C-alpha atoms as a PDB file:
ATOM      1  CA  MET A   1       0.000   0.000   0.000  1.00  0.00           C
ATOM      2  CA  GLU A   2       1.446   3.326  -1.105  1.00  0.00           C
ATOM      3  CA  GLN A   3       1.794   6.076   1.462  1.00  0.00           C
ATOM      4  CA  ASP A   4       0.392   9.533   0.725  1.00  0.00           C
ATOM      5  CA  THR A   5       3.490  11.715   0.501  1.00  0.00           C
ATOM      6  CA  THR A   6       1.542  14.827  -0.510  1.00  0.00           C
ATOM      7  CA  ILE A   7       2.402  17.763   1.716  1.00  0.00           C
ATOM      8  CA  LYS A   8      -0.733  19.663   2.529  1.00  0.00           C
ATOM      9  CA  GLU A   9      -0.263  23.420   2.434  1.00  0.00           C
ATOM     10  CA  GLU A  10      -1.369  25.509   5.366  1.00  0.00           C
ATOM     11  CA  GLY A  11      -4.349  27.780   4.941  1.00  0.00           C
ATOM     12  CA  THR A  12      -4.486  31.571   4.961  1.00  0.00           C
ATOM     13  CA  LEU A  13      -6.202  33.904   7.372  1.00  0.00           C
ATOM     14  CA  TYR A  14      -7.865  36.772   5.494  1.00  0.00           C
ATOM     15  CA  LEU A  15      -8.661  39.917   7.465  1.00  0.00           C
ATOM     16  CA  VAL A  16     -11.681  41.171   5.555  1.00  0.00           C
ATOM     17  CA  ALA A  17     -12.922  44.744   5.962  1.00  0.00           C
ATOM     18  CA  THR A  18     -16.703  44.982   5.715  1.00  0.00           C
ATOM     19  CA  PRO A  19     -19.039  47.995   5.338  1.00  0.00           C
ATOM     20  CA  ILE A  20     -19.574  50.287   8.328  1.00  0.00           C
ATOM     21  CA  GLY A  21     -23.051  51.128   7.102  1.00  0.00           C
ATOM     22  CA  ASN A  22     -23.664  51.241   3.379  1.00  0.00           C
ATOM     23  CA  LEU A  23     -23.369  47.725   1.942  1.00  0.00           C
ATOM     24  CA  ASP A  24     -22.333  49.121  -1.442  1.00  0.00           C
ATOM     25  CA  ASP A  25     -18.973  50.022   0.106  1.00  0.00           C
ATOM     26  CA  ILE A  26     -17.790  46.415   0.107  1.00  0.00           C
ATOM     27  CA  SER A  27     -15.046  45.617  -2.396  1.00  0.00           C
ATOM     28  CA  TYR A  28     -15.241  43.031  -5.162  1.00  0.00           C
ATOM     29  CA  ARG A  29     -12.195  41.284  -3.699  1.00  0.00           C
ATOM     30  CA  ALA A  30     -13.817  41.099  -0.251  1.00  0.00           C
ATOM     31  CA  LEU A  31     -16.895  39.424  -1.752  1.00  0.00           C
ATOM     32  CA  LYS A  32     -14.671  36.965  -3.639  1.00  0.00           C
ATOM     33  CA  ILE A  33     -12.780  35.948  -0.484  1.00  0.00           C
ATOM     34  CA  LEU A  34     -15.959  35.648   1.602  1.00  0.00           C
ATOM     35  CA  LYS A  35     -17.420  33.384  -1.061  1.00  0.00           C
ATOM     36  CA  GLU A  36     -14.335  31.200  -1.596  1.00  0.00           C
ATOM     37  CA  ALA A  37     -13.184  30.829   2.028  1.00  0.00           C
ATOM     38  CA  ASP A  38     -13.841  27.564   3.851  1.00  0.00           C
ATOM     39  CA  LEU A  39     -15.165  29.467   6.838  1.00  0.00           C
ATOM     40  CA  VAL A  40     -16.066  33.005   7.936  1.00  0.00           C
ATOM     41  CA  ALA A  41     -15.262  33.863  11.567  1.00  0.00           C
ATOM     42  CA  ALA A  42     -17.318  36.868  12.687  1.00  0.00           C
ATOM     43  CA  GLU A  43     -17.514  39.033  15.802  1.00  0.00           C
ATOM     44  CA  ASP A  44     -21.263  39.506  15.264  1.00  0.00           C
ATOM     45  CA  THR A  45     -22.695  36.554  13.341  1.00  0.00           C
ATOM     46  CA  ARG A  46     -26.137  38.155  13.016  1.00  0.00           C
ATOM     47  CA  ARG A  47     -24.720  41.231  11.301  1.00  0.00           C
ATOM     48  CA  THR A  48     -22.322  39.260   9.109  1.00  0.00           C
ATOM     49  CA  ARG A  49     -25.078  36.777   8.154  1.00  0.00           C
ATOM     50  CA  LYS A  50     -27.154  39.689   6.846  1.00  0.00           C
ATOM     51  CA  LEU A  51     -24.185  40.834   4.772  1.00  0.00           C
ATOM     52  CA  LEU A  52     -23.568  37.365   3.344  1.00  0.00           C
ATOM     53  CA  SER A  53     -27.267  36.836   2.616  1.00  0.00           C
ATOM     54  CA  PHE A  54     -27.508  40.198   0.845  1.00  0.00           C
ATOM     55  CA  PHE A  55     -24.782  39.100  -1.587  1.00  0.00           C
ATOM     56  CA  ASP A  56     -26.042  35.492  -1.801  1.00  0.00           C
ATOM     57  CA  ILE A  57     -22.965  34.032  -0.107  1.00  0.00           C
ATOM     58  CA  HIS A  58     -23.404  30.742   1.762  1.00  0.00           C
ATOM     59  CA  THR A  59     -19.991  30.163   3.361  1.00  0.00           C
ATOM     60  CA  PRO A  60     -20.263  28.535   6.840  1.00  0.00           C
ATOM     61  CA  LEU A  61     -20.210  31.086   9.655  1.00  0.00           C
ATOM     62  CA  LEU A  62     -18.616  30.754  13.094  1.00  0.00           C
ATOM     63  CA  SER A  63     -18.826  33.093  16.109  1.00  0.00           C
ATOM     64  CA  PHE A  64     -15.535  34.679  17.180  1.00  0.00           C
ATOM     65  CA  ARG A  65     -16.061  37.251  19.903  1.00  0.00           C
ATOM     66  CA  GLU A  66     -14.519  38.581  23.107  1.00  0.00           C
ATOM     67  CA  HIS A  67     -16.016  35.881  25.340  1.00  0.00           C
ATOM     68  CA  ASN A  68     -14.881  32.891  23.264  1.00  0.00           C
ATOM     69  CA  LYS A  69     -11.752  34.232  21.537  1.00  0.00           C
ATOM     70  CA  VAL A  70      -9.301  31.988  23.430  1.00  0.00           C
ATOM     71  CA  TYR A  71     -11.107  28.727  22.704  1.00  0.00           C
ATOM     72  CA  GLN A  72     -12.129  29.670  19.182  1.00  0.00           C
ATOM     73  CA  GLY A  73      -8.697  31.091  18.417  1.00  0.00           C
ATOM     74  CA  GLU A  74      -7.063  27.722  19.127  1.00  0.00           C
ATOM     75  CA  ARG A  75      -9.723  25.935  17.124  1.00  0.00           C
ATOM     76  CA  LEU A  76      -9.365  28.257  14.120  1.00  0.00           C
ATOM     77  CA  ALA A  77      -5.559  28.071  14.243  1.00  0.00           C
ATOM     78  CA  GLU A  78      -5.757  24.270  13.985  1.00  0.00           C
ATOM     79  CA  MET A  79      -8.073  24.568  10.977  1.00  0.00           C
ATOM     80  CA  LEU A  80      -5.623  26.929   9.293  1.00  0.00           C
ATOM     81  CA  LEU A  81      -2.725  24.573   9.949  1.00  0.00           C
ATOM     82  CA  GLU A  82      -4.801  21.782   8.371  1.00  0.00           C
ATOM     83  CA  GLY A  83      -5.138  23.827   5.184  1.00  0.00           C
ATOM     84  CA  LYS A  84      -8.438  25.657   5.656  1.00  0.00           C
ATOM     85  CA  ASN A  85      -8.773  29.263   4.439  1.00  0.00           C
ATOM     86  CA  ILE A  86     -10.589  31.481   6.919  1.00  0.00           C
ATOM     87  CA  ALA A  87     -12.013  34.984   6.522  1.00  0.00           C
ATOM     88  CA  LEU A  88     -12.105  37.029   9.741  1.00  0.00           C
ATOM     89  CA  CYS A  89     -14.672  39.852   9.970  1.00  0.00           C
ATOM     90  CA  SER A  90     -15.359  42.487  12.604  1.00  0.00           C
ATOM     91  CA  ASP A  91     -18.988  43.467  13.207  1.00  0.00           C
ATOM     92  CA  ALA A  92     -18.219  46.358  10.826  1.00  0.00           C
ATOM     93  CA  GLY A  93     -15.143  47.961   9.330  1.00  0.00           C
ATOM     94  CA  MET A  94     -11.588  46.667   9.649  1.00  0.00           C
ATOM     95  CA  PRO A  95     -10.969  43.561  11.801  1.00  0.00           C
ATOM     96  CA  VAL A  96      -8.522  43.799  14.723  1.00  0.00           C
ATOM     97  CA  ILE A  97      -9.333  47.503  15.359  1.00  0.00           C
ATOM     98  CA  SER A  98     -10.962  47.503  18.821  1.00  0.00           C
ATOM     99  CA  ASP A  99     -12.138  43.897  18.485  1.00  0.00           C
ATOM    100  CA  PRO A 100     -10.969  40.420  19.604  1.00  0.00           C
ATOM    101  CA  GLY A 101      -9.191  39.717  16.299  1.00  0.00           C
ATOM    102  CA  GLU A 102      -6.001  41.334  17.626  1.00  0.00           C
ATOM    103  CA  ASP A 103      -5.064  38.389  19.852  1.00  0.00           C
ATOM    104  CA  PHE A 104      -5.930  35.863  17.161  1.00  0.00           C
ATOM    105  CA  VAL A 105      -3.736  37.541  14.542  1.00  0.00           C
ATOM    106  CA  ARG A 106      -0.840  37.500  17.021  1.00  0.00           C
ATOM    107  CA  LEU A 107      -1.447  33.770  17.639  1.00  0.00           C
ATOM    108  CA  CYS A 108      -1.399  33.025  13.907  1.00  0.00           C
ATOM    109  CA  ILE A 109       1.823  34.977  13.401  1.00  0.00           C
ATOM    110  CA  GLU A 110       3.474  33.088  16.264  1.00  0.00           C
ATOM    111  CA  ARG A 111       2.511  29.765  14.644  1.00  0.00           C
ATOM    112  CA  GLY A 112       3.767  30.758  11.225  1.00  0.00           C
ATOM    113  CA  ILE A 113       0.313  30.933   9.630  1.00  0.00           C
ATOM    114  CA  ARG A 114      -0.014  33.201   6.609  1.00  0.00           C
ATOM    115  CA  VAL A 115      -2.071  36.306   7.338  1.00  0.00           C
ATOM    116  CA  THR A 116      -3.162  38.836   4.736  1.00  0.00           C
ATOM    117  CA  VAL A 117      -5.607  41.744   4.616  1.00  0.00           C
ATOM    118  CA  ILE A 118      -8.464  42.679   2.324  1.00  0.00           C
ATOM    119  CA  PRO A 119      -8.602  46.462   2.899  1.00  0.00           C
ATOM    120  CA  GLY A 120     -11.773  48.483   3.007  1.00  0.00           C
ATOM    121  CA  PRO A 121     -13.993  50.728   5.161  1.00  0.00           C
ATOM    122  CA  ASN A 122     -12.822  52.060   8.521  1.00  0.00           C
ATOM    123  CA  ALA A 123     -14.823  54.390  10.771  1.00  0.00           C
ATOM    124  CA  ALA A 124     -11.825  56.082  12.431  1.00  0.00           C
ATOM    125  CA  LEU A 125     -10.142  57.115   9.182  1.00  0.00           C
ATOM    126  CA  SER A 126     -13.454  58.145   7.625  1.00  0.00           C
ATOM    127  CA  ALA A 127     -14.165  60.433  10.600  1.00  0.00           C
ATOM    128  CA  LEU A 128     -10.614  61.816  10.480  1.00  0.00           C
ATOM    129  CA  VAL A 129     -10.863  62.965   6.864  1.00  0.00           C
ATOM    130  CA  LEU A 130     -14.282  64.483   7.551  1.00  0.00           C
ATOM    131  CA  SER A 131     -13.045  66.451  10.571  1.00  0.00           C
ATOM    132  CA  GLY A 132     -10.909  68.990   8.751  1.00  0.00           C
ATOM    133  CA  PHE A 133      -8.138  68.535  11.335  1.00  0.00           C
ATOM    134  CA  SER A 134      -4.581  67.597  10.460  1.00  0.00           C
ATOM    135  CA  ALA A 135      -4.292  64.055   9.119  1.00  0.00           C
ATOM    136  CA  ASN A 136      -0.500  64.170   8.809  1.00  0.00           C
ATOM    137  CA  SER A 137      -0.174  62.640  12.263  1.00  0.00           C
ATOM    138  CA  PHE A 138      -2.935  61.222  14.412  1.00  0.00           C
ATOM    139  CA  LEU A 139      -3.597  58.878  17.331  1.00  0.00           C
ATOM    140  CA  TYR A 140      -6.339  56.274  17.337  1.00  0.00           C
ATOM    141  CA  LEU A 141      -7.332  55.798  20.988  1.00  0.00           C
ATOM    142  CA  GLY A 142     -10.514  53.729  20.634  1.00  0.00           C
ATOM    143  CA  PHE A 143     -12.692  53.437  23.731  1.00  0.00           C
ATOM    144  CA  ILE A 144     -11.052  55.108  26.735  1.00  0.00           C
ATOM    145  CA  PRO A 145     -11.700  54.055  30.394  1.00  0.00           C
ATOM    146  CA  ARG A 146     -15.262  54.438  31.644  1.00  0.00           C
ATOM    147  CA  LYS A 147     -14.583  55.135  35.328  1.00  0.00           C
ATOM    148  CA  LYS A 148     -14.146  58.829  36.083  1.00  0.00           C
ATOM    149  CA  GLY A 149     -10.796  58.546  37.878  1.00  0.00           C
ATOM    150  CA  LYS A 150      -9.185  56.260  35.294  1.00  0.00           C
ATOM    151  CA  ARG A 151     -10.666  58.315  32.478  1.00  0.00           C
ATOM    152  CA  MET A 152      -9.242  61.600  33.771  1.00  0.00           C
ATOM    153  CA  GLU A 153      -5.874  59.961  34.402  1.00  0.00           C
ATOM    154  CA  PHE A 154      -5.872  58.740  30.788  1.00  0.00           C
ATOM    155  CA  ILE A 155      -6.884  62.158  29.459  1.00  0.00           C
ATOM    156  CA  GLU A 156      -4.169  63.936  31.451  1.00  0.00           C
ATOM    157  CA  GLY A 157      -1.682  61.531  29.888  1.00  0.00           C
ATOM    158  CA  ILE A 158      -2.537  62.763  26.372  1.00  0.00           C
ATOM    159  CA  ALA A 159      -2.757  66.459  27.251  1.00  0.00           C
ATOM    160  CA  ASP A 160       0.479  67.429  25.497  1.00  0.00           C
ATOM    161  CA  GLU A 161      -0.075  65.362  22.356  1.00  0.00           C
ATOM    162  CA  PRO A 162       0.115  67.598  19.256  1.00  0.00           C
ATOM    163  CA  HIS A 163      -1.524  64.911  17.106  1.00  0.00           C
ATOM    164  CA  THR A 164      -5.178  64.758  16.083  1.00  0.00           C
ATOM    165  CA  MET A 165      -6.883  62.163  18.301  1.00  0.00           C
ATOM    166  CA  ILE A 166      -9.682  59.746  17.420  1.00  0.00           C
ATOM    167  CA  PHE A 167     -12.031  58.060  19.906  1.00  0.00           C
ATOM    168  CA  TYR A 168     -14.976  55.681  19.694  1.00  0.00           C
ATOM    169  CA  GLU A 169     -17.862  56.079  22.139  1.00  0.00           C
ATOM    170  CA  SER A 170     -21.369  54.742  22.686  1.00  0.00           C
ATOM    171  CA  PRO A 171     -24.461  56.998  22.350  1.00  0.00           C
ATOM    172  CA  ASN A 172     -25.206  57.015  26.091  1.00  0.00           C
ATOM    173  CA  ARG A 173     -21.665  58.111  27.037  1.00  0.00           C
ATOM    174  CA  VAL A 174     -20.573  60.422  24.231  1.00  0.00           C
ATOM    175  CA  ALA A 175     -21.669  63.652  25.981  1.00  0.00           C
ATOM    176  CA  GLU A 176     -19.844  62.534  29.132  1.00  0.00           C
ATOM    177  CA  LEU A 177     -16.705  61.904  27.068  1.00  0.00           C
ATOM    178  CA  LEU A 178     -16.839  65.417  25.610  1.00  0.00           C
ATOM    179  CA  GLU A 179     -17.193  66.926  29.080  1.00  0.00           C
ATOM    180  CA  SER A 180     -14.268  64.883  30.416  1.00  0.00           C
ATOM    181  CA  LEU A 181     -12.107  65.995  27.488  1.00  0.00           C
ATOM    182  CA  ARG A 182     -13.073  69.631  28.109  1.00  0.00           C
ATOM    183  CA  GLU A 183     -12.358  69.324  31.810  1.00  0.00           C
ATOM    184  CA  GLY A 184      -8.986  67.722  31.263  1.00  0.00           C
ATOM    185  CA  LEU A 185      -7.752  69.392  28.066  1.00  0.00           C
ATOM    186  CA  GLY A 186      -9.583  72.680  27.711  1.00  0.00           C
ATOM    187  CA  ASP A 187     -12.322  73.667  25.295  1.00  0.00           C
ATOM    188  CA  ARG A 188     -10.643  72.442  22.129  1.00  0.00           C
ATOM    189  CA  LYS A 189     -12.188  72.035  18.700  1.00  0.00           C
ATOM    190  CA  VAL A 190     -13.848  68.699  18.061  1.00  0.00           C
ATOM    191  CA  CYS A 191     -15.664  66.877  15.290  1.00  0.00           C
ATOM    192  CA  VAL A 192     -18.266  64.264  16.215  1.00  0.00           C
ATOM    193  CA  VAL A 193     -19.476  61.950  13.458  1.00  0.00           C
ATOM    194  CA  ARG A 194     -22.531  59.743  13.788  1.00  0.00           C
ATOM    195  CA  GLU A 195     -23.850  56.924  11.585  1.00  0.00           C
ATOM    196  CA  LEU A 196     -21.065  57.079   8.987  1.00  0.00           C
ATOM    197  CA  THR A 197     -22.138  56.117   5.427  1.00  0.00           C
ATOM    198  CA  LYS A 198     -25.725  55.522   6.560  1.00  0.00           C
ATOM    199  CA  VAL A 199     -28.918  57.389   5.700  1.00  0.00           C
ATOM    200  CA  TYR A 200     -28.755  59.573   8.829  1.00  0.00           C
ATOM    201  CA  GLU A 201     -25.028  60.335   8.714  1.00  0.00           C
ATOM    202  CA  GLU A 202     -24.276  63.520  10.652  1.00  0.00           C
ATOM    203  CA  THR A 203     -21.161  65.566  11.319  1.00  0.00           C
ATOM    204  CA  LEU A 204     -21.021  68.086  14.186  1.00  0.00           C
ATOM    205  CA  ARG A 205     -18.127  70.546  14.434  1.00  0.00           C
ATOM    206  CA  GLY A 206     -17.331  73.139  17.101  1.00  0.00           C
ATOM    207  CA  THR A 207     -15.775  73.352  20.541  1.00  0.00           C
ATOM    208  CA  LEU A 208     -16.227  70.532  23.037  1.00  0.00           C
ATOM    209  CA  THR A 209     -18.759  72.659  24.933  1.00  0.00           C
ATOM    210  CA  GLU A 210     -20.743  73.592  21.827  1.00  0.00           C
ATOM    211  CA  VAL A 211     -21.017  70.045  20.486  1.00  0.00           C
ATOM    212  CA  LYS A 212     -21.838  68.626  23.929  1.00  0.00           C
ATOM    213  CA  GLU A 213     -24.713  71.116  24.316  1.00  0.00           C
ATOM    214  CA  ILE A 214     -26.079  70.131  20.901  1.00  0.00           C
ATOM    215  CA  LEU A 215     -26.063  66.452  21.860  1.00  0.00           C
ATOM    216  CA  LEU A 216     -27.627  67.046  25.282  1.00  0.00           C
ATOM    217  CA  LYS A 217     -30.558  68.849  23.654  1.00  0.00           C
ATOM    218  CA  ARG A 218     -31.263  65.749  21.536  1.00  0.00           C
ATOM    219  CA  GLY A 219     -32.279  63.646  24.512  1.00  0.00           C
ATOM    220  CA  GLU A 220     -31.834  59.963  23.639  1.00  0.00           C
ATOM    221  CA  LEU A 221     -28.985  59.478  21.187  1.00  0.00           C
ATOM    222  CA  LYS A 222     -28.726  56.657  18.670  1.00  0.00           C
ATOM    223  CA  GLY A 223     -26.068  55.386  16.317  1.00  0.00           C
ATOM    224  CA  GLU A 224     -22.341  54.839  16.529  1.00  0.00           C
ATOM    225  CA  PHE A 225     -20.091  57.799  17.337  1.00  0.00           C
ATOM    226  CA  CYS A 226     -16.556  58.746  16.321  1.00  0.00           C
ATOM    227  CA  VAL A 227     -14.992  61.704  18.138  1.00  0.00           C
ATOM    228  CA  VAL A 228     -12.077  63.498  16.466  1.00  0.00           C
ATOM    229  CA  LEU A 229     -10.218  66.013  18.649  1.00  0.00           C
ATOM    230  CA  GLU A 230      -7.605  68.552  17.623  1.00  0.00           C
ATOM    231  CA  GLY A 231      -4.167  68.144  19.160  1.00  0.00           C
ATOM    232  CA  ARG A 232      -2.632  70.637  21.539  1.00  0.00           C
ATOM    233  CA  ASN A 233      -1.324  73.841  20.027  1.00  0.00           C
ATOM    234  CA  PRO A 234       2.465  73.750  20.410  1.00  0.00           C
ATOM    235  CA  GLU A 235       2.286  77.321  21.714  1.00  0.00           C
ATOM    236  CA  PRO A 236       0.144  77.914  24.827  1.00  0.00           C
ATOM    237  CA  THR A 237      -2.809  80.218  24.180  1.00  0.00           C
ATOM    238  CA  GLY A 238      -1.715  82.570  26.913  1.00  0.00           C
ATOM    239  CA  GLY A 239       0.058  83.077  30.219  1.00  0.00           C
ATOM    240  CA  LYS A 240      -1.394  83.991  33.580  1.00  0.00           C
ATOM    241  CA  GLU A 241      -2.349  87.490  32.378  1.00  0.00           C
ATOM    242  CA  TYR A 242      -5.100  85.941  30.220  1.00  0.00           C
ATOM    243  CA  LEU A 243      -6.725  84.021  33.061  1.00  0.00           C
ATOM    244  CA  ASP A 244      -9.572  84.878  35.407  1.00  0.00           C
ATOM    245  CA  THR A 245      -7.660  84.574  38.692  1.00  0.00           C
ATOM    246  CA  GLN A 246     -10.669  84.125  40.954  1.00  0.00           C
ATOM    247  CA  ARG A 247     -12.197  81.426  38.762  1.00  0.00           C
ATOM    248  CA  VAL A 248      -8.909  79.559  38.402  1.00  0.00           C
ATOM    249  CA  MET A 249      -8.308  79.640  42.164  1.00  0.00           C
ATOM    250  CA  GLU A 250     -11.810  78.351  42.855  1.00  0.00           C
ATOM    251  CA  GLU A 251     -11.209  75.460  40.478  1.00  0.00           C
ATOM    252  CA  ILE A 252      -7.859  74.662  42.104  1.00  0.00           C
ATOM    253  CA  GLU A 253      -9.372  74.775  45.592  1.00  0.00           C
ATOM    254  CA  HIS A 254     -12.148  72.464  44.436  1.00  0.00           C
ATOM    255  CA  LEU A 255      -9.636  69.911  43.125  1.00  0.00           C
ATOM    256  CA  LEU A 256      -7.582  70.147  46.324  1.00  0.00           C
ATOM    257  CA  SER A 257     -10.699  69.632  48.445  1.00  0.00           C
ATOM    258  CA  GLU A 258     -11.292  66.378  46.550  1.00  0.00           C
ATOM    259  CA  GLY A 259      -7.878  65.144  47.655  1.00  0.00           C
ATOM    260  CA  MET A 260      -5.870  65.909  44.526  1.00  0.00           C
ATOM    261  CA  GLU A 261      -2.182  66.748  44.943  1.00  0.00           C
ATOM    262  CA  LYS A 262      -1.220  70.376  44.275  1.00  0.00           C
ATOM    263  CA  GLN A 263       1.040  69.656  41.300  1.00  0.00           C
ATOM    264  CA  GLN A 264      -1.599  67.450  39.694  1.00  0.00           C
ATOM    265  CA  ALA A 265      -4.212  70.168  40.200  1.00  0.00           C
ATOM    266  CA  PHE A 266      -1.937  72.742  38.526  1.00  0.00           C
ATOM    267  CA  LYS A 267      -1.470  70.386  35.588  1.00  0.00           C
ATOM    268  CA  ARG A 268      -5.213  69.740  35.278  1.00  0.00           C
ATOM    269  CA  ILE A 269      -6.035  73.451  35.231  1.00  0.00           C
ATOM    270  CA  ALA A 270      -3.197  74.218  32.804  1.00  0.00           C
ATOM    271  CA  ASN A 271      -4.566  71.613  30.397  1.00  0.00           C
ATOM    272  CA  ARG A 272      -8.071  72.965  30.797  1.00  0.00           C
ATOM    273  CA  TYR A 273      -7.041  76.490  29.815  1.00  0.00           C
ATOM    274  CA  GLN A 274      -4.368  75.336  27.357  1.00  0.00           C
ATOM    275  CA  THR A 275      -1.672  77.307  29.070  1.00  0.00           C
ATOM    276  CA  SER A 276       1.548  76.308  30.826  1.00  0.00           C
ATOM    277  CA  LYS A 277       1.677  74.658  34.221  1.00  0.00           C
ATOM    278  CA  ARG A 278       4.209  77.334  35.199  1.00  0.00           C
ATOM    279  CA  ALA A 279       1.670  80.099  34.473  1.00  0.00           C
ATOM    280  CA  ILE A 280      -0.859  78.437  36.775  1.00  0.00           C
ATOM    281  CA  TYR A 281       1.784  77.914  39.452  1.00  0.00           C
ATOM    282  CA  GLN A 282       2.854  81.568  39.363  1.00  0.00           C
ATOM    283  CA  LEU A 283      -0.766  82.683  39.477  1.00  0.00           C
ATOM    284  CA  TYR A 284      -1.333  80.491  42.525  1.00  0.00           C
ATOM    285  CA  LEU A 285       1.791  81.846  44.284  1.00  0.00           C
ATOM    286  CA  GLU A 286       0.696  85.457  43.720  1.00  0.00           C
ATOM    287  CA  TYR A 287      -2.838  84.710  44.828  1.00  0.00           C
ATOM    288  CA  ASP A 288      -1.613  82.861  47.937  1.00  0.00           C
ATOM    289  CA  LYS A 289       0.832  85.682  48.740  1.00  0.00           C
ATOM    290  CA  ASN A 290      -1.902  88.343  48.443  1.00  0.00           C
ATOM    291  CA  ARG A 291      -4.290  86.235  50.479  1.00  0.00           C
ATOM    292  CA  ARG A 292      -1.746  85.838  53.303  1.00  0.00           C
ATOM    293  CA  LYS A 293      -1.049  89.567  53.129  1.00  0.00           C
ATOM    294  CA  ASP A 294      -4.768  90.351  53.399  1.00  0.00           C
ATOM    295  CA  ASP A 295      -5.093  87.906  56.301  1.00  0.00           C
ATOM    296  CA  GLU A 296      -2.163  89.575  58.103  1.00  0.00           C
ATOM    297  CA  GLU A 297      -3.592  93.079  57.556  1.00  0.00           C
ATOM    298  CA  TYR A 298      -6.959  91.889  58.815  1.00  0.00           C
ATOM    299  CA  SER A 299      -5.343  90.369  61.931  1.00  0.00           C
ATOM    300  CA  GLN A 300      -3.427  93.595  62.609  1.00  0.00           C
ATOM    301  CA  GLU A 301      -6.646  95.576  62.291  1.00  0.00           C
ATOM    302  CA  LEU A 302      -8.364  93.265  64.776  1.00  0.00           C
ATOM    303  CA  ARG A 303      -5.475  93.610  67.236  1.00  0.00           C
ATOM    304  CA  SER A 304      -5.490  97.404  66.827  1.00  0.00           C
ATOM    305  CA  ASN A 305      -9.248  97.605  67.438  1.00  0.00           C
ATOM    306  CA  SER A 306      -8.861  95.333  70.438  1.00  0.00           C
ATOM    307  CA  ARG A 307      -6.231  97.664  72.014  1.00  0.00           C
ATOM    308  CA  LYS A 308      -8.413 100.712  71.381  1.00  0.00           C
ATOM    309  CA  THR A 309     -11.366  99.021  73.036  1.00  0.00           C
ATOM    310  CA  ALA A 310      -9.275  98.081  76.033  1.00  0.00           C
END
């Protein structure tokens, strides 16, 4: 009996970009791969099944999401090593960007499995080019921490970035994100894009305060949001002479009363007014000096009145 000496080639993992809204945005090559693959692994099988059905594609579908990515990743890797070709899809847009595909791609690379990409729609880049901000250098930051403390810590960490920044956020938290950005970075210009490529696509431009107020007036918000924020101006907008001393001091005192360290409070306020930390520090020193002087004069007046009374 002859032995089968045929060496079976390993399969290929195709990272297939799918439409973020309008189904006509899918590429011919993407449709070809989805049709010819042995299996389609999808973050949201319901959404991907609608896409496949629309284009009369009947390739078997398998769920690959955050909660099963470890188990399914091993299973899919074995299939690829056995020679199967697999198409990986996000729920929309480019796989791996803010979805569980990132770990799986790393696993495939480690095991020597061929990985290639079928480029196409991406919400972050679409929002960036719509914003009107610089696209020469930008940071994609995805979904930032939800908890207030962690969120503000994250925002303070990007305060000095000169690059345009891109965030994703859900409808019920987008106004809160804009307020946190304003509180931590100052009232910068922002572009908020909703429902990209869909019938109700909308682009809002203005300051963080202006766009937040527009959204709050809407009541219940729907759709998927991309937030594009301008980077920090390399030159501060002004020194301490441009600031409302009383308001700044009240804000500093408020932060200190919440337990924040002095230096951190100075940094937070400097970011908020897009000025230097040194300007805030000098303003605080002058204010504190004048306050102590006023307190001393008041005490002397009390002592003087007390002697006169005696």
